[in-house]
N, C-alpha and C. Protein backbone atom coordinates (compact mmCIF):
# COMPACT_ATOMS: atom_id res chain seq x y z
N MET A 1 0.84 -1.17 0.00
CA MET A 1 0.00 0.00 0.00
C MET A 1 0.89 1.25 0.00
N GLU A 2 0.71 2.09 -0.95
CA GLU A 2 1.53 3.29 -1.12
C GLU A 2 0.89 4.48 -0.39
N HIS A 3 1.68 5.13 0.46
CA HIS A 3 1.21 6.32 1.17
C HIS A 3 1.60 7.55 0.36
N ILE A 4 0.72 8.50 0.26
CA ILE A 4 0.98 9.70 -0.52
C ILE A 4 1.96 10.61 0.19
N ILE A 5 1.76 10.85 1.48
CA ILE A 5 2.64 11.73 2.25
C ILE A 5 3.49 10.87 3.18
N PRO A 6 4.82 11.02 3.13
CA PRO A 6 5.68 10.21 4.01
C PRO A 6 5.48 10.55 5.49
N MET A 7 5.79 9.59 6.33
CA MET A 7 5.63 9.76 7.78
C MET A 7 6.48 10.91 8.31
N GLU A 8 7.63 11.12 7.74
CA GLU A 8 8.54 12.16 8.25
C GLU A 8 7.91 13.54 8.18
N TYR A 9 7.08 13.81 7.20
CA TYR A 9 6.44 15.11 7.08
C TYR A 9 5.49 15.36 8.26
N TYR A 10 4.73 14.34 8.61
CA TYR A 10 3.84 14.46 9.77
C TYR A 10 4.64 14.68 11.05
N LEU A 11 5.75 13.96 11.18
CA LEU A 11 6.56 14.08 12.39
C LEU A 11 7.23 15.44 12.48
N VAL A 12 7.60 16.01 11.34
CA VAL A 12 8.19 17.36 11.36
C VAL A 12 7.14 18.37 11.81
N VAL A 13 5.94 18.28 11.28
CA VAL A 13 4.86 19.19 11.70
C VAL A 13 4.58 19.02 13.19
N SER A 14 4.53 17.78 13.65
CA SER A 14 4.27 17.51 15.07
C SER A 14 5.40 18.06 15.94
N SER A 15 6.63 17.92 15.50
CA SER A 15 7.77 18.44 16.27
C SER A 15 7.74 19.96 16.34
N ILE A 16 7.42 20.61 15.24
CA ILE A 16 7.32 22.07 15.23
C ILE A 16 6.23 22.53 16.19
N MET A 17 5.08 21.86 16.16
CA MET A 17 4.00 22.21 17.09
C MET A 17 4.42 21.99 18.54
N PHE A 18 5.11 20.88 18.79
CA PHE A 18 5.54 20.57 20.15
C PHE A 18 6.49 21.63 20.69
N PHE A 19 7.50 21.97 19.90
CA PHE A 19 8.48 22.94 20.37
C PHE A 19 7.92 24.36 20.41
N ALA A 20 6.97 24.68 19.54
CA ALA A 20 6.29 25.98 19.63
C ALA A 20 5.48 26.04 20.92
N GLY A 21 4.84 24.94 21.29
CA GLY A 21 4.10 24.89 22.54
C GLY A 21 4.99 25.02 23.76
N ILE A 22 6.13 24.35 23.75
CA ILE A 22 7.08 24.46 24.86
C ILE A 22 7.61 25.88 24.97
N TYR A 23 7.96 26.47 23.82
CA TYR A 23 8.46 27.85 23.80
C TYR A 23 7.39 28.81 24.34
N GLY A 24 6.16 28.65 23.89
CA GLY A 24 5.08 29.50 24.36
C GLY A 24 4.81 29.32 25.84
N PHE A 25 4.90 28.10 26.33
CA PHE A 25 4.66 27.83 27.75
C PHE A 25 5.71 28.52 28.61
N ILE A 26 6.94 28.54 28.14
CA ILE A 26 8.03 29.13 28.92
C ILE A 26 8.02 30.65 28.84
N THR A 27 7.69 31.21 27.68
CA THR A 27 7.87 32.65 27.48
C THR A 27 6.62 33.49 27.67
N ARG A 28 5.44 32.95 27.59
CA ARG A 28 4.21 33.75 27.67
C ARG A 28 3.92 34.18 29.10
N LYS A 29 3.33 35.35 29.21
CA LYS A 29 3.00 35.89 30.52
C LYS A 29 1.49 35.87 30.80
N ASN A 30 0.69 35.60 29.80
CA ASN A 30 -0.75 35.56 29.93
C ASN A 30 -1.20 34.11 30.14
N LEU A 31 -2.11 33.89 31.07
CA LEU A 31 -2.56 32.52 31.36
C LEU A 31 -3.26 31.86 30.18
N ILE A 32 -4.00 32.63 29.40
CA ILE A 32 -4.68 32.06 28.23
C ILE A 32 -3.65 31.61 27.20
N ALA A 33 -2.60 32.40 26.99
CA ALA A 33 -1.54 32.02 26.05
C ALA A 33 -0.80 30.78 26.52
N VAL A 34 -0.59 30.67 27.83
CA VAL A 34 0.03 29.46 28.38
C VAL A 34 -0.86 28.25 28.14
N LEU A 35 -2.16 28.41 28.32
CA LEU A 35 -3.10 27.32 28.08
C LEU A 35 -3.09 26.90 26.61
N ILE A 36 -3.05 27.85 25.71
CA ILE A 36 -2.98 27.54 24.28
C ILE A 36 -1.69 26.79 23.97
N SER A 37 -0.60 27.17 24.61
CA SER A 37 0.67 26.48 24.40
C SER A 37 0.61 25.03 24.87
N VAL A 38 -0.04 24.80 26.00
CA VAL A 38 -0.20 23.43 26.48
C VAL A 38 -1.05 22.62 25.50
N GLU A 39 -2.07 23.25 24.94
CA GLU A 39 -2.91 22.57 23.95
C GLU A 39 -2.13 22.22 22.69
N LEU A 40 -1.19 23.08 22.30
CA LEU A 40 -0.33 22.76 21.15
C LEU A 40 0.49 21.51 21.41
N VAL A 41 1.03 21.39 22.62
CA VAL A 41 1.81 20.20 22.97
C VAL A 41 0.93 18.96 22.93
N LEU A 42 -0.26 19.05 23.48
CA LEU A 42 -1.17 17.89 23.47
C LEU A 42 -1.61 17.52 22.06
N THR A 43 -1.83 18.51 21.22
CA THR A 43 -2.21 18.24 19.84
C THR A 43 -1.08 17.57 19.07
N SER A 44 0.15 17.95 19.36
CA SER A 44 1.28 17.30 18.68
C SER A 44 1.37 15.83 19.07
N THR A 45 1.04 15.50 20.32
CA THR A 45 1.05 14.08 20.69
C THR A 45 -0.11 13.34 20.02
N ASP A 46 -1.23 14.01 19.84
CA ASP A 46 -2.35 13.38 19.13
C ASP A 46 -1.97 13.06 17.69
N ILE A 47 -1.26 13.97 17.05
CA ILE A 47 -0.80 13.71 15.68
C ILE A 47 0.12 12.50 15.66
N ASN A 48 1.01 12.40 16.64
CA ASN A 48 1.92 11.25 16.69
C ASN A 48 1.17 9.95 16.87
N PHE A 49 0.17 9.94 17.77
CA PHE A 49 -0.64 8.72 17.94
C PHE A 49 -1.26 8.29 16.62
N ALA A 50 -1.88 9.22 15.93
CA ALA A 50 -2.58 8.89 14.69
C ALA A 50 -1.61 8.46 13.59
N VAL A 51 -0.49 9.15 13.47
CA VAL A 51 0.47 8.84 12.40
C VAL A 51 1.12 7.48 12.63
N PHE A 52 1.58 7.23 13.84
CA PHE A 52 2.21 5.94 14.10
C PHE A 52 1.22 4.79 13.93
N ASN A 53 -0.01 5.00 14.33
CA ASN A 53 -1.02 3.97 14.11
C ASN A 53 -1.23 3.73 12.62
N ARG A 54 -1.33 4.79 11.85
CA ARG A 54 -1.62 4.67 10.43
C ARG A 54 -0.49 4.00 9.66
N PHE A 55 0.75 4.32 10.01
CA PHE A 55 1.88 3.80 9.26
C PHE A 55 2.41 2.47 9.79
N LEU A 56 2.33 2.23 11.09
CA LEU A 56 2.89 1.00 11.64
C LEU A 56 1.86 -0.13 11.74
N PHE A 57 0.64 0.22 12.12
CA PHE A 57 -0.41 -0.79 12.30
C PHE A 57 -1.69 -0.32 11.62
N PRO A 58 -1.73 -0.27 10.30
CA PRO A 58 -2.92 0.28 9.63
C PRO A 58 -4.18 -0.56 9.82
N GLN A 59 -4.04 -1.82 10.17
CA GLN A 59 -5.21 -2.67 10.34
C GLN A 59 -5.82 -2.55 11.74
N HIS A 60 -5.11 -1.89 12.67
CA HIS A 60 -5.61 -1.72 14.03
C HIS A 60 -6.01 -0.27 14.26
N LEU A 61 -6.82 -0.03 15.29
CA LEU A 61 -7.30 1.32 15.57
C LEU A 61 -6.91 1.82 16.95
N GLU A 62 -5.93 1.19 17.61
CA GLU A 62 -5.58 1.60 18.96
C GLU A 62 -5.08 3.04 19.00
N GLY A 63 -4.26 3.43 18.04
CA GLY A 63 -3.74 4.80 18.00
C GLY A 63 -4.85 5.82 17.82
N MET A 64 -5.84 5.47 17.02
CA MET A 64 -6.96 6.37 16.82
C MET A 64 -7.80 6.51 18.10
N PHE A 65 -7.96 5.39 18.83
CA PHE A 65 -8.69 5.45 20.09
C PHE A 65 -7.94 6.28 21.13
N PHE A 66 -6.60 6.11 21.18
CA PHE A 66 -5.80 6.94 22.08
C PHE A 66 -5.94 8.41 21.73
N THR A 67 -5.97 8.71 20.43
CA THR A 67 -6.12 10.10 19.99
C THR A 67 -7.47 10.66 20.42
N LEU A 68 -8.54 9.91 20.21
CA LEU A 68 -9.87 10.38 20.62
C LEU A 68 -9.96 10.55 22.13
N PHE A 69 -9.37 9.63 22.88
CA PHE A 69 -9.36 9.76 24.34
C PHE A 69 -8.57 10.99 24.76
N SER A 70 -7.45 11.21 24.14
CA SER A 70 -6.61 12.37 24.45
C SER A 70 -7.32 13.68 24.12
N ILE A 71 -8.05 13.71 23.02
CA ILE A 71 -8.81 14.91 22.67
C ILE A 71 -9.89 15.17 23.72
N GLY A 72 -10.54 14.13 24.19
CA GLY A 72 -11.55 14.29 25.24
C GLY A 72 -10.95 14.80 26.54
N VAL A 73 -9.80 14.26 26.92
CA VAL A 73 -9.12 14.72 28.13
C VAL A 73 -8.67 16.17 27.96
N SER A 74 -8.19 16.53 26.78
CA SER A 74 -7.76 17.91 26.51
C SER A 74 -8.94 18.87 26.61
N ALA A 75 -10.09 18.47 26.12
CA ALA A 75 -11.26 19.33 26.20
C ALA A 75 -11.68 19.54 27.65
N ALA A 76 -11.66 18.49 28.44
CA ALA A 76 -12.02 18.62 29.86
C ALA A 76 -10.99 19.48 30.59
N GLU A 77 -9.73 19.28 30.30
CA GLU A 77 -8.67 20.07 30.92
C GLU A 77 -8.81 21.54 30.57
N THR A 78 -9.14 21.84 29.32
CA THR A 78 -9.32 23.23 28.89
C THR A 78 -10.50 23.87 29.60
N ALA A 79 -11.59 23.14 29.75
CA ALA A 79 -12.77 23.69 30.43
C ALA A 79 -12.45 24.01 31.88
N VAL A 80 -11.75 23.13 32.56
CA VAL A 80 -11.39 23.37 33.96
C VAL A 80 -10.41 24.53 34.06
N ALA A 81 -9.42 24.57 33.17
CA ALA A 81 -8.43 25.64 33.21
C ALA A 81 -9.06 27.01 32.95
N ILE A 82 -9.98 27.09 32.01
CA ILE A 82 -10.64 28.36 31.73
C ILE A 82 -11.50 28.78 32.93
N ALA A 83 -12.15 27.85 33.58
CA ALA A 83 -12.93 28.18 34.79
C ALA A 83 -12.01 28.72 35.88
N ILE A 84 -10.85 28.13 36.04
CA ILE A 84 -9.88 28.61 37.04
C ILE A 84 -9.39 30.00 36.66
N ILE A 85 -9.09 30.21 35.38
CA ILE A 85 -8.60 31.52 34.92
C ILE A 85 -9.68 32.59 35.13
N ILE A 86 -10.93 32.26 34.89
CA ILE A 86 -12.01 33.23 35.11
C ILE A 86 -12.10 33.59 36.59
N ASN A 87 -11.97 32.62 37.48
CA ASN A 87 -12.00 32.91 38.92
C ASN A 87 -10.80 33.75 39.34
N ILE A 88 -9.64 33.48 38.77
CA ILE A 88 -8.46 34.30 39.07
C ILE A 88 -8.70 35.73 38.60
N TYR A 89 -9.27 35.89 37.42
CA TYR A 89 -9.53 37.23 36.90
C TYR A 89 -10.53 37.98 37.79
N ARG A 90 -11.53 37.28 38.28
CA ARG A 90 -12.51 37.92 39.17
C ARG A 90 -11.87 38.41 40.47
N ASN A 91 -10.87 37.67 40.94
CA ASN A 91 -10.24 38.03 42.22
C ASN A 91 -9.19 39.13 42.08
N ILE A 92 -8.34 39.05 41.06
CA ILE A 92 -7.23 40.01 40.98
C ILE A 92 -7.28 40.88 39.74
N LYS A 93 -8.31 40.74 38.91
CA LYS A 93 -8.51 41.58 37.71
C LYS A 93 -7.32 41.54 36.74
N SER A 94 -6.68 40.38 36.64
CA SER A 94 -5.56 40.23 35.72
C SER A 94 -5.39 38.75 35.40
N THR A 95 -4.89 38.48 34.20
CA THR A 95 -4.57 37.10 33.83
C THR A 95 -3.08 36.93 33.58
N GLU A 96 -2.29 37.88 34.07
CA GLU A 96 -0.84 37.79 33.93
C GLU A 96 -0.28 36.82 34.98
N VAL A 97 0.70 36.03 34.56
CA VAL A 97 1.28 35.03 35.45
C VAL A 97 1.97 35.70 36.64
N ARG A 98 2.64 36.81 36.41
CA ARG A 98 3.38 37.48 37.50
C ARG A 98 2.45 38.00 38.59
N ASN A 99 1.19 38.26 38.28
CA ASN A 99 0.25 38.75 39.28
C ASN A 99 -0.37 37.65 40.14
N LEU A 100 -0.01 36.41 39.87
CA LEU A 100 -0.57 35.32 40.66
C LEU A 100 -0.04 35.31 42.09
N LYS A 101 1.05 36.03 42.34
CA LYS A 101 1.57 36.13 43.70
C LYS A 101 0.56 36.85 44.61
N ASN A 102 -0.31 37.67 44.02
CA ASN A 102 -1.32 38.38 44.80
C ASN A 102 -2.35 37.44 45.41
N LEU A 103 -2.45 36.22 44.91
CA LEU A 103 -3.41 35.27 45.45
C LEU A 103 -3.00 34.78 46.83
N LYS A 104 -1.71 34.90 47.16
CA LYS A 104 -1.22 34.44 48.47
C LYS A 104 -1.71 35.34 49.60
N ASP A 105 -1.96 36.58 49.29
CA ASP A 105 -2.37 37.55 50.32
C ASP A 105 -3.77 37.32 50.82
């Protein structure tokens, strides 16, 4: 069975997304931007699950099930994180990471 796009192309895209997410997580000062960066990292792992399943075990669907489960966990994690960010904003009127020290007071 001939694949149109080689596996390496998918892995390069996934690696770029992963490292962009890590870079954003380290450098961003806004909580929403940090959350988006974490989602980029999780999406890159989803791409890896799907690609490795498709190219290594095309007759099985375990990688696809892992991807769907991971997407569901990511959605739940995002909902909880946004609820936490909204509560932080209500308390200190800011979503900047450096202002989280005000929560200790």
